[in-house]
All heavy atoms as atom14 arrays in JSON, in Angstrom:
{
  "sequence": "MGWFRQAPGKQRELVAEITSGRTTYADSVKGRFTISTDNAKNTVT",
  "atom14_mask": [
    [1, 1, 1, 1, 1, 1, 1, 1, 0, 0, 0, 0, 0, 0],
    [1, 1, 1, 1, 0, 0, 0, 0, 0, 0, 0, 0, 0, 0],
    [1, 1, 1, 1, 1, 1, 1, 1, 1, 1, 1, 1, 1, 1],
    [1, 1, 1, 1, 1, 1, 1, 1, 1, 1, 1, 0, 0, 0],
    [1, 1, 1, 1, 1, 1, 1, 1, 1, 1, 1, 0, 0, 0],
    [1, 1, 1, 1, 1, 1, 1, 1, 1, 0, 0, 0, 0, 0],
    [1, 1, 1, 1, 1, 0, 0, 0, 0, 0, 0, 0, 0, 0],
    [1, 1, 1, 1, 1, 1, 1, 0, 0, 0, 0, 0, 0, 0],
    [1, 1, 1, 1, 0, 0, 0, 0, 0, 0, 0, 0, 0, 0],
    [1, 1, 1, 1, 1, 1, 1, 1, 1, 0, 0, 0, 0, 0],
    [1, 1, 1, 1, 1, 1, 1, 1, 1, 0, 0, 0, 0, 0],
    [1, 1, 1, 1, 1, 1, 1, 1, 1, 1, 1, 0, 0, 0],
    [1, 1, 1, 1, 1, 1, 1, 1, 1, 0, 0, 0, 0, 0],
    [1, 1, 1, 1, 1, 1, 1, 1, 0, 0, 0, 0, 0, 0],
    [1, 1, 1, 1, 1, 1, 1, 0, 0, 0, 0, 0, 0, 0],
    [1, 1, 1, 1, 1, 0, 0, 0, 0, 0, 0, 0, 0, 0],
    [1, 1, 1, 1, 1, 1, 1, 1, 1, 0, 0, 0, 0, 0],
    [1, 1, 1, 1, 1, 1, 1, 1, 0, 0, 0, 0, 0, 0],
    [1, 1, 1, 1, 1, 1, 1, 0, 0, 0, 0, 0, 0, 0],
    [1, 1, 1, 1, 1, 1, 0, 0, 0, 0, 0, 0, 0, 0],
    [1, 1, 1, 1, 0, 0, 0, 0, 0, 0, 0, 0, 0, 0],
    [1, 1, 1, 1, 1, 1, 1, 1, 1, 1, 1, 0, 0, 0],
    [1, 1, 1, 1, 1, 1, 1, 0, 0, 0, 0, 0, 0, 0],
    [1, 1, 1, 1, 1, 1, 1, 0, 0, 0, 0, 0, 0, 0],
    [1, 1, 1, 1, 1, 1, 1, 1, 1, 1, 1, 1, 0, 0],
    [1, 1, 1, 1, 1, 0, 0, 0, 0, 0, 0, 0, 0, 0],
    [1, 1, 1, 1, 1, 1, 1, 1, 0, 0, 0, 0, 0, 0],
    [1, 1, 1, 1, 1, 1, 0, 0, 0, 0, 0, 0, 0, 0],
    [1, 1, 1, 1, 1, 1, 1, 0, 0, 0, 0, 0, 0, 0],
    [1, 1, 1, 1, 1, 1, 1, 1, 1, 0, 0, 0, 0, 0],
    [1, 1, 1, 1, 0, 0, 0, 0, 0, 0, 0, 0, 0, 0],
    [1, 1, 1, 1, 1, 1, 1, 1, 1, 1, 1, 0, 0, 0],
    [1, 1, 1, 1, 1, 1, 1, 1, 1, 1, 1, 0, 0, 0],
    [1, 1, 1, 1, 1, 1, 1, 0, 0, 0, 0, 0, 0, 0],
    [1, 1, 1, 1, 1, 1, 1, 1, 0, 0, 0, 0, 0, 0],
    [1, 1, 1, 1, 1, 1, 0, 0, 0, 0, 0, 0, 0, 0],
    [1, 1, 1, 1, 1, 1, 1, 0, 0, 0, 0, 0, 0, 0],
    [1, 1, 1, 1, 1, 1, 1, 1, 0, 0, 0, 0, 0, 0],
    [1, 1, 1, 1, 1, 1, 1, 1, 0, 0, 0, 0, 0, 0],
    [1, 1, 1, 1, 1, 0, 0, 0, 0, 0, 0, 0, 0, 0],
    [1, 1, 1, 1, 1, 1, 1, 1, 1, 0, 0, 0, 0, 0],
    [1, 1, 1, 1, 1, 1, 1, 1, 0, 0, 0, 0, 0, 0],
    [1, 1, 1, 1, 1, 1, 1, 0, 0, 0, 0, 0, 0, 0],
    [1, 1, 1, 1, 1, 1, 1, 0, 0, 0, 0, 0, 0, 0],
    [1, 1, 1, 1, 1, 1, 1, 0, 0, 0, 0, 0, 0, 0]
  ],
  "atom14_positions": [
    [[-10.31, 17.55, -16.55], [-10.57, 17.38, -15.13], [-9.69, 16.25, -14.65], [-9.39, 15.28, -15.39], [-12.04, 17.09, -14.83], [-12.96, 18.22, -15.22], [-14.65, 18.01, -14.55], [-14.4, 18.51, -12.84], [0.0, 0.0, 0.0], [0.0, 0.0, 0.0], [0.0, 0.0, 0.0], [0.0, 0.0, 0.0], [0.0, 0.0, 0.0], [0.0, 0.0, 0.0]],
    [[-9.25, 16.35, -13.41], [-8.4, 15.32, -12.91], [-8.25, 15.36, -11.4], [-8.87, 16.19, -10.72], [0.0, 0.0, 0.0], [0.0, 0.0, 0.0], [0.0, 0.0, 0.0], [0.0, 0.0, 0.0], [0.0, 0.0, 0.0], [0.0, 0.0, 0.0], [0.0, 0.0, 0.0], [0.0, 0.0, 0.0], [0.0, 0.0, 0.0], [0.0, 0.0, 0.0]],
    [[-7.43, 14.46, -10.91], [-7.16, 14.36, -9.47], [-5.65, 14.35, -9.26], [-4.9, 13.67, -9.97], [-7.74, 13.08, -8.9], [-9.23, 13.07, -8.87], [-10.1, 12.61, -9.81], [-10.06, 13.53, -7.8], [-11.4, 12.78, -9.41], [-11.4, 13.32, -8.17], [-9.79, 14.12, -6.55], [-12.47, 13.7, -7.36], [-10.85, 14.49, -5.73], [-12.16, 14.27, -6.13]],
    [[-5.25, 15.12, -8.31], [-3.85, 15.15, -7.81], [-3.85, 14.72, -6.33], [-4.89, 14.74, -5.7], [-3.26, 16.54, -7.93], [-3.02, 16.98, -9.37], [-4.06, 17.36, -10.18], [-1.73, 17.02, -9.88], [-3.87, 17.76, -11.48], [-1.49, 17.46, -11.19], [-2.54, 17.82, -11.98], [0.0, 0.0, 0.0], [0.0, 0.0, 0.0], [0.0, 0.0, 0.0]],
    [[-2.72, 14.35, -5.88], [-2.59, 14.03, -4.45], [-1.26, 14.49, -3.93], [-0.27, 14.59, -4.67], [-2.79, 12.55, -4.19], [-1.68, 11.64, -4.74], [-2.04, 10.17, -4.53], [-1.0, 9.27, -5.0], [-1.12, 7.96, -5.05], [-2.26, 7.38, -4.67], [-0.11, 7.21, -5.51], [0.0, 0.0, 0.0], [0.0, 0.0, 0.0], [0.0, 0.0, 0.0]],
    [[-1.21, 14.73, -2.65], [0.01, 15.15, -2.0], [0.09, 14.53, -0.61], [-0.8, 14.75, 0.22], [0.08, 16.67, -1.91], [1.41, 17.19, -1.39], [1.58, 18.66, -1.57], [0.6, 19.4, -1.74], [2.81, 19.13, -1.57], [0.0, 0.0, 0.0], [0.0, 0.0, 0.0], [0.0, 0.0, 0.0], [0.0, 0.0, 0.0], [0.0, 0.0, 0.0]],
    [[1.13, 13.77, -0.39], [1.38, 13.17, 0.91], [2.34, 14.07, 1.69], [3.12, 14.84, 1.09], [1.98, 11.78, 0.76], [0.0, 0.0, 0.0], [0.0, 0.0, 0.0], [0.0, 0.0, 0.0], [0.0, 0.0, 0.0], [0.0, 0.0, 0.0], [0.0, 0.0, 0.0], [0.0, 0.0, 0.0], [0.0, 0.0, 0.0], [0.0, 0.0, 0.0]],
    [[2.32, 13.98, 3.01], [3.23, 14.84, 3.82], [4.67, 14.66, 3.41], [5.16, 13.51, 3.26], [2.99, 14.36, 5.23], [1.57, 13.81, 5.23], [1.43, 13.19, 3.86], [0.0, 0.0, 0.0], [0.0, 0.0, 0.0], [0.0, 0.0, 0.0], [0.0, 0.0, 0.0], [0.0, 0.0, 0.0], [0.0, 0.0, 0.0], [0.0, 0.0, 0.0]],
    [[5.4, 15.77, 3.19], [6.79, 15.7, 2.82], [7.04, 15.35, 1.38], [8.22, 15.23, 1.0], [0.0, 0.0, 0.0], [0.0, 0.0, 0.0], [0.0, 0.0, 0.0], [0.0, 0.0, 0.0], [0.0, 0.0, 0.0], [0.0, 0.0, 0.0], [0.0, 0.0, 0.0], [0.0, 0.0, 0.0], [0.0, 0.0, 0.0], [0.0, 0.0, 0.0]],
    [[6.01, 15.21, 0.58], [6.17, 14.86, -0.82], [5.54, 15.92, -1.72], [4.68, 16.7, -1.28], [5.55, 13.51, -1.11], [6.21, 12.34, -0.38], [5.61, 11.02, -0.81], [6.26, 9.85, -0.11], [5.66, 8.56, -0.51], [0.0, 0.0, 0.0], [0.0, 0.0, 0.0], [0.0, 0.0, 0.0], [0.0, 0.0, 0.0], [0.0, 0.0, 0.0]],
    [[5.97, 15.94, -2.96], [5.42, 16.88, -3.93], [4.05, 16.39, -4.42], [3.77, 15.19, -4.4], [6.37, 17.03, -5.11], [7.69, 17.7, -4.77], [8.51, 17.94, -6.01], [8.29, 17.4, -7.07], [9.55, 18.76, -5.85], [0.0, 0.0, 0.0], [0.0, 0.0, 0.0], [0.0, 0.0, 0.0], [0.0, 0.0, 0.0], [0.0, 0.0, 0.0]],
    [[3.26, 17.33, -4.84], [1.96, 16.99, -5.42], [2.17, 16.24, -6.73], [3.06, 16.59, -7.54], [1.14, 18.25, -5.69], [-0.27, 17.97, -6.19], [-1.04, 19.26, -6.29], [-0.39, 20.24, -7.16], [-0.82, 21.47, -7.35], [-1.92, 21.9, -6.75], [-0.15, 22.3, -8.16], [0.0, 0.0, 0.0], [0.0, 0.0, 0.0], [0.0, 0.0, 0.0]],
    [[1.39, 15.21, -6.94], [1.53, 14.4, -8.14], [0.18, 14.16, -8.79], [-0.86, 14.1, -8.13], [2.2, 13.06, -7.84], [1.37, 12.15, -6.91], [1.98, 10.78, -6.71], [2.88, 10.4, -7.48], [1.53, 10.07, -5.77], [0.0, 0.0, 0.0], [0.0, 0.0, 0.0], [0.0, 0.0, 0.0], [0.0, 0.0, 0.0], [0.0, 0.0, 0.0]],
    [[0.22, 14.01, -10.11], [-0.99, 13.67, -10.87], [-1.35, 12.23, -10.61], [-0.53, 11.34, -10.73], [-0.74, 13.91, -12.35], [-1.89, 13.5, -13.27], [-3.11, 14.37, -13.08], [-1.43, 13.51, -14.74], [0.0, 0.0, 0.0], [0.0, 0.0, 0.0], [0.0, 0.0, 0.0], [0.0, 0.0, 0.0], [0.0, 0.0, 0.0], [0.0, 0.0, 0.0]],
    [[-2.62, 12.01, -10.28], [-3.13, 10.67, -10.09], [-3.84, 10.19, -11.38], [-3.55, 9.11, -11.87], [-4.11, 10.59, -8.9], [-4.69, 9.18, -8.78], [-3.42, 11.02, -7.63], [0.0, 0.0, 0.0], [0.0, 0.0, 0.0], [0.0, 0.0, 0.0], [0.0, 0.0, 0.0], [0.0, 0.0, 0.0], [0.0, 0.0, 0.0], [0.0, 0.0, 0.0]],
    [[-4.73, 11.0, -11.87], [-5.48, 10.64, -13.06], [-6.11, 11.91, -13.64], [-6.44, 12.83, -12.91], [-6.56, 9.59, -12.79], [0.0, 0.0, 0.0], [0.0, 0.0, 0.0], [0.0, 0.0, 0.0], [0.0, 0.0, 0.0], [0.0, 0.0, 0.0], [0.0, 0.0, 0.0], [0.0, 0.0, 0.0], [0.0, 0.0, 0.0], [0.0, 0.0, 0.0]],
    [[-6.29, 11.91, -14.94], [-6.99, 13.02, -15.6], [-7.75, 12.51, -16.77], [-7.47, 11.44, -17.32], [-6.02, 14.12, -16.01], [-5.0, 13.73, -17.05], [-4.06, 14.85, -17.44], [-4.21, 15.97, -16.92], [-3.13, 14.6, -18.24], [0.0, 0.0, 0.0], [0.0, 0.0, 0.0], [0.0, 0.0, 0.0], [0.0, 0.0, 0.0], [0.0, 0.0, 0.0]],
    [[-8.74, 13.29, -17.22], [-9.58, 12.88, -18.33], [-9.93, 14.11, -19.14], [-10.19, 15.19, -18.63], [-10.86, 12.16, -17.82], [-11.68, 11.66, -18.98], [-11.66, 13.09, -16.9], [-12.79, 10.71, -18.56], [0.0, 0.0, 0.0], [0.0, 0.0, 0.0], [0.0, 0.0, 0.0], [0.0, 0.0, 0.0], [0.0, 0.0, 0.0], [0.0, 0.0, 0.0]],
    [[-9.89, 13.92, -20.46], [-10.29, 14.98, -21.39], [-10.88, 14.31, -22.63], [-10.29, 13.42, -23.23], [-9.11, 15.88, -21.77], [-9.55, 16.85, -22.74], [-7.94, 15.09, -22.36], [0.0, 0.0, 0.0], [0.0, 0.0, 0.0], [0.0, 0.0, 0.0], [0.0, 0.0, 0.0], [0.0, 0.0, 0.0], [0.0, 0.0, 0.0], [0.0, 0.0, 0.0]],
    [[-12.07, 14.71, -22.98], [-12.79, 14.19, -24.16], [-12.85, 12.67, -24.12], [-12.68, 12.01, -25.18], [-12.13, 14.68, -25.44], [-12.22, 16.11, -25.52], [0.0, 0.0, 0.0], [0.0, 0.0, 0.0], [0.0, 0.0, 0.0], [0.0, 0.0, 0.0], [0.0, 0.0, 0.0], [0.0, 0.0, 0.0], [0.0, 0.0, 0.0], [0.0, 0.0, 0.0]],
    [[-13.0, 12.11, -22.98], [-13.09, 10.67, -22.83], [-11.79, 9.93, -22.73], [-11.76, 8.73, -22.43], [0.0, 0.0, 0.0], [0.0, 0.0, 0.0], [0.0, 0.0, 0.0], [0.0, 0.0, 0.0], [0.0, 0.0, 0.0], [0.0, 0.0, 0.0], [0.0, 0.0, 0.0], [0.0, 0.0, 0.0], [0.0, 0.0, 0.0], [0.0, 0.0, 0.0]],
    [[-10.68, 10.62, -22.98], [-9.37, 9.98, -22.87], [-8.84, 10.13, -21.45], [-8.97, 11.2, -20.85], [-8.37, 10.62, -23.87], [-8.76, 10.43, -25.32], [-7.64, 10.92, -26.24], [-6.43, 10.21, -26.03], [-5.26, 10.53, -26.59], [-5.2, 11.56, -27.41], [-4.18, 9.8, -26.34], [0.0, 0.0, 0.0], [0.0, 0.0, 0.0], [0.0, 0.0, 0.0]],
    [[-8.24, 9.08, -20.98], [-7.8, 9.07, -19.57], [-6.28, 8.84, -19.51], [-5.69, 8.21, -20.35], [-8.5, 7.96, -18.77], [-8.25, 6.69, -19.39], [-9.99, 8.22, -18.74], [0.0, 0.0, 0.0], [0.0, 0.0, 0.0], [0.0, 0.0, 0.0], [0.0, 0.0, 0.0], [0.0, 0.0, 0.0], [0.0, 0.0, 0.0], [0.0, 0.0, 0.0]],
    [[-5.73, 9.39, -18.43], [-4.3, 9.22, -18.13], [-4.21, 8.88, -16.66], [-4.85, 9.48, -15.81], [-3.49, 10.47, -18.44], [-3.64, 10.79, -19.81], [-2.02, 10.26, -18.13], [0.0, 0.0, 0.0], [0.0, 0.0, 0.0], [0.0, 0.0, 0.0], [0.0, 0.0, 0.0], [0.0, 0.0, 0.0], [0.0, 0.0, 0.0], [0.0, 0.0, 0.0]],
    [[-3.35, 7.9, -16.34], [-3.15, 7.47, -14.95], [-1.69, 7.44, -14.61], [-0.83, 7.13, -15.44], [-3.73, 6.08, -14.75], [-5.21, 5.97, -14.94], [-5.75, 5.58, -16.19], [-6.09, 6.21, -13.9], [-7.1, 5.45, -16.36], [-7.45, 6.13, -14.08], [-7.96, 5.73, -15.31], [-9.32, 5.63, -15.49], [0.0, 0.0, 0.0], [0.0, 0.0, 0.0]],
    [[-1.4, 7.73, -13.35], [-0.09, 7.49, -12.83], [0.2, 6.0, -12.82], [-0.72, 5.2, -12.6], [0.05, 8.07, -11.42], [0.0, 0.0, 0.0], [0.0, 0.0, 0.0], [0.0, 0.0, 0.0], [0.0, 0.0, 0.0], [0.0, 0.0, 0.0], [0.0, 0.0, 0.0], [0.0, 0.0, 0.0], [0.0, 0.0, 0.0], [0.0, 0.0, 0.0]],
    [[1.41, 5.62, -13.09], [1.75, 4.2, -13.13], [1.42, 3.51, -11.81], [1.01, 2.33, -11.79], [3.25, 4.01, -13.44], [3.59, 4.36, -14.85], [2.67, 4.37, -15.71], [4.79, 4.58, -15.12], [0.0, 0.0, 0.0], [0.0, 0.0, 0.0], [0.0, 0.0, 0.0], [0.0, 0.0, 0.0], [0.0, 0.0, 0.0], [0.0, 0.0, 0.0]],
    [[1.52, 4.21, -10.7], [1.3, 3.62, -9.4], [-0.14, 3.24, -9.15], [-0.43, 2.45, -8.25], [1.8, 4.56, -8.32], [1.11, 5.78, -8.33], [0.0, 0.0, 0.0], [0.0, 0.0, 0.0], [0.0, 0.0, 0.0], [0.0, 0.0, 0.0], [0.0, 0.0, 0.0], [0.0, 0.0, 0.0], [0.0, 0.0, 0.0], [0.0, 0.0, 0.0]],
    [[-1.07, 3.82, -9.91], [-2.49, 3.55, -9.65], [-3.17, 2.88, -10.84], [-4.33, 2.46, -10.73], [-3.26, 4.84, -9.34], [-2.6, 5.58, -8.17], [-3.39, 5.74, -10.55], [0.0, 0.0, 0.0], [0.0, 0.0, 0.0], [0.0, 0.0, 0.0], [0.0, 0.0, 0.0], [0.0, 0.0, 0.0], [0.0, 0.0, 0.0], [0.0, 0.0, 0.0]],
    [[-2.47, 2.76, -11.95], [-3.07, 2.16, -13.14], [-3.51, 0.74, -12.85], [-2.77, -0.07, -12.3], [-2.06, 2.19, -14.29], [-2.68, 1.88, -15.64], [-1.66, 2.09, -16.76], [-2.31, 1.88, -18.13], [-1.33, 2.13, -19.24], [0.0, 0.0, 0.0], [0.0, 0.0, 0.0], [0.0, 0.0, 0.0], [0.0, 0.0, 0.0], [0.0, 0.0, 0.0]],
    [[-4.74, 0.44, -13.24], [-5.31, -0.85, -13.01], [-6.11, -0.94, -11.72], [-6.87, -1.89, -11.54], [0.0, 0.0, 0.0], [0.0, 0.0, 0.0], [0.0, 0.0, 0.0], [0.0, 0.0, 0.0], [0.0, 0.0, 0.0], [0.0, 0.0, 0.0], [0.0, 0.0, 0.0], [0.0, 0.0, 0.0], [0.0, 0.0, 0.0], [0.0, 0.0, 0.0]],
    [[-5.92, 0.03, -10.84], [-6.65, 0.06, -9.57], [-7.65, 1.21, -9.51], [-8.68, 1.06, -8.87], [-5.67, 0.18, -8.4], [-4.68, -0.97, -8.3], [-3.88, -0.88, -7.01], [-3.03, 0.32, -6.96], [-3.13, 1.26, -6.03], [-4.03, 1.13, -5.06], [-2.33, 2.29, -6.04], [0.0, 0.0, 0.0], [0.0, 0.0, 0.0], [0.0, 0.0, 0.0]],
    [[-7.29, 2.35, -10.12], [-8.15, 3.5, -10.07], [-8.82, 3.72, -11.46], [-8.23, 3.39, -12.47], [-7.37, 4.76, -9.73], [-6.81, 4.82, -8.33], [-6.89, 3.72, -7.47], [-6.23, 6.01, -7.85], [-6.37, 3.79, -6.2], [-5.72, 6.06, -6.56], [-5.8, 4.96, -5.75], [0.0, 0.0, 0.0], [0.0, 0.0, 0.0], [0.0, 0.0, 0.0]],
    [[-10.03, 4.3, -11.42], [-10.72, 4.62, -12.65], [-11.31, 6.0, -12.54], [-11.98, 6.32, -11.57], [-11.84, 3.6, -12.94], [-11.32, 2.3, -13.01], [-12.52, 3.95, -14.26], [0.0, 0.0, 0.0], [0.0, 0.0, 0.0], [0.0, 0.0, 0.0], [0.0, 0.0, 0.0], [0.0, 0.0, 0.0], [0.0, 0.0, 0.0], [0.0, 0.0, 0.0]],
    [[-11.03, 6.86, -13.51], [-11.56, 8.21, -13.54], [-12.65, 8.29, -14.61], [-12.56, 7.66, -15.66], [-10.45, 9.25, -13.82], [-10.96, 10.67, -13.62], [-9.83, 9.05, -15.2], [-9.88, 11.74, -13.64], [0.0, 0.0, 0.0], [0.0, 0.0, 0.0], [0.0, 0.0, 0.0], [0.0, 0.0, 0.0], [0.0, 0.0, 0.0], [0.0, 0.0, 0.0]],
    [[-13.67, 9.05, -14.32], [-14.78, 9.2, -15.24], [-15.47, 10.54, -15.01], [-15.29, 11.2, -13.99], [-15.8, 8.08, -15.11], [-16.37, 8.07, -13.81], [0.0, 0.0, 0.0], [0.0, 0.0, 0.0], [0.0, 0.0, 0.0], [0.0, 0.0, 0.0], [0.0, 0.0, 0.0], [0.0, 0.0, 0.0], [0.0, 0.0, 0.0], [0.0, 0.0, 0.0]],
    [[-16.22, 11.0, -16.03], [-17.01, 12.23, -15.94], [-18.43, 11.94, -16.38], [-18.71, 10.94, -17.04], [-16.42, 13.34, -16.8], [-16.36, 12.92, -18.17], [-15.0, 13.68, -16.35], [0.0, 0.0, 0.0], [0.0, 0.0, 0.0], [0.0, 0.0, 0.0], [0.0, 0.0, 0.0], [0.0, 0.0, 0.0], [0.0, 0.0, 0.0], [0.0, 0.0, 0.0]],
    [[-19.33, 12.87, -16.04], [-20.68, 12.74, -16.55], [-20.76, 13.38, -17.94], [-19.75, 13.89, -18.45], [-21.66, 13.39, -15.57], [-21.58, 14.92, -15.55], [-20.72, 15.5, -16.2], [-22.41, 15.54, -14.82], [0.0, 0.0, 0.0], [0.0, 0.0, 0.0], [0.0, 0.0, 0.0], [0.0, 0.0, 0.0], [0.0, 0.0, 0.0], [0.0, 0.0, 0.0]],
    [[-21.93, 13.32, -18.53], [-22.08, 13.76, -19.9], [-21.8, 15.25, -20.07], [-21.32, 15.69, -21.12], [-23.49, 13.45, -20.41], [-23.73, 11.99, -20.62], [-22.82, 11.19, -20.86], [-24.98, 11.55, -20.5], [0.0, 0.0, 0.0], [0.0, 0.0, 0.0], [0.0, 0.0, 0.0], [0.0, 0.0, 0.0], [0.0, 0.0, 0.0], [0.0, 0.0, 0.0]],
    [[-22.1, 16.02, -19.05], [-21.88, 17.47, -19.15], [-20.42, 17.85, -18.81], [-20.05, 18.99, -18.97], [-22.81, 18.17, -18.14], [0.0, 0.0, 0.0], [0.0, 0.0, 0.0], [0.0, 0.0, 0.0], [0.0, 0.0, 0.0], [0.0, 0.0, 0.0], [0.0, 0.0, 0.0], [0.0, 0.0, 0.0], [0.0, 0.0, 0.0], [0.0, 0.0, 0.0]],
    [[-19.65, 16.9, -18.36], [-18.25, 17.09, -18.0], [-18.07, 18.16, -16.96], [-17.06, 18.85, -16.93], [-17.41, 17.4, -19.26], [-17.41, 16.3, -20.3], [-16.49, 16.63, -21.45], [-16.45, 15.51, -22.46], [-15.53, 15.8, -23.6], [0.0, 0.0, 0.0], [0.0, 0.0, 0.0], [0.0, 0.0, 0.0], [0.0, 0.0, 0.0], [0.0, 0.0, 0.0]],
    [[-19.03, 18.24, -16.08], [-18.89, 19.16, -14.97], [-18.69, 18.46, -13.64], [-18.62, 19.1, -12.6], [-20.11, 20.1, -14.87], [-21.39, 19.35, -14.64], [-21.47, 18.14, -14.75], [-22.44, 20.11, -14.23], [0.0, 0.0, 0.0], [0.0, 0.0, 0.0], [0.0, 0.0, 0.0], [0.0, 0.0, 0.0], [0.0, 0.0, 0.0], [0.0, 0.0, 0.0]],
    [[-18.6, 17.13, -13.7], [-18.24, 16.36, -12.54], [-17.19, 15.32, -12.9], [-17.13, 14.89, -14.05], [-19.45, 15.62, -11.91], [-19.97, 14.66, -12.83], [-20.56, 16.61, -11.55], [0.0, 0.0, 0.0], [0.0, 0.0, 0.0], [0.0, 0.0, 0.0], [0.0, 0.0, 0.0], [0.0, 0.0, 0.0], [0.0, 0.0, 0.0], [0.0, 0.0, 0.0]],
    [[-16.39, 14.96, -11.95], [-15.36, 13.96, -12.18], [-15.35, 13.03, -10.97], [-15.5, 13.48, -9.83], [-13.98, 14.57, -12.43], [-13.52, 15.37, -11.24], [-12.96, 13.5, -12.78], [0.0, 0.0, 0.0], [0.0, 0.0, 0.0], [0.0, 0.0, 0.0], [0.0, 0.0, 0.0], [0.0, 0.0, 0.0], [0.0, 0.0, 0.0], [0.0, 0.0, 0.0]],
    [[-15.21, 11.74, -11.24], [-15.23, 10.74, -10.2], [-13.96, 9.89, -10.27], [-13.49, 9.56, -11.37], [-16.46, 9.83, -10.36], [-17.66, 10.6, -10.2], [-16.45, 8.74, -9.3], [0.0, 0.0, 0.0], [0.0, 0.0, 0.0], [0.0, 0.0, 0.0], [0.0, 0.0, 0.0], [0.0, 0.0, 0.0], [0.0, 0.0, 0.0], [0.0, 0.0, 0.0]]
  ]
}
């Protein structure tokens, strides 16, 4: 599960994603954004 974003005139980019508790962040948001899921992994925040 993850989050992407797209600004006007720009390509869609990965912001953050999570799988099995492991997280990945875009360099531009690392340290500012935090991604998480619930125990059932059916929600992402």
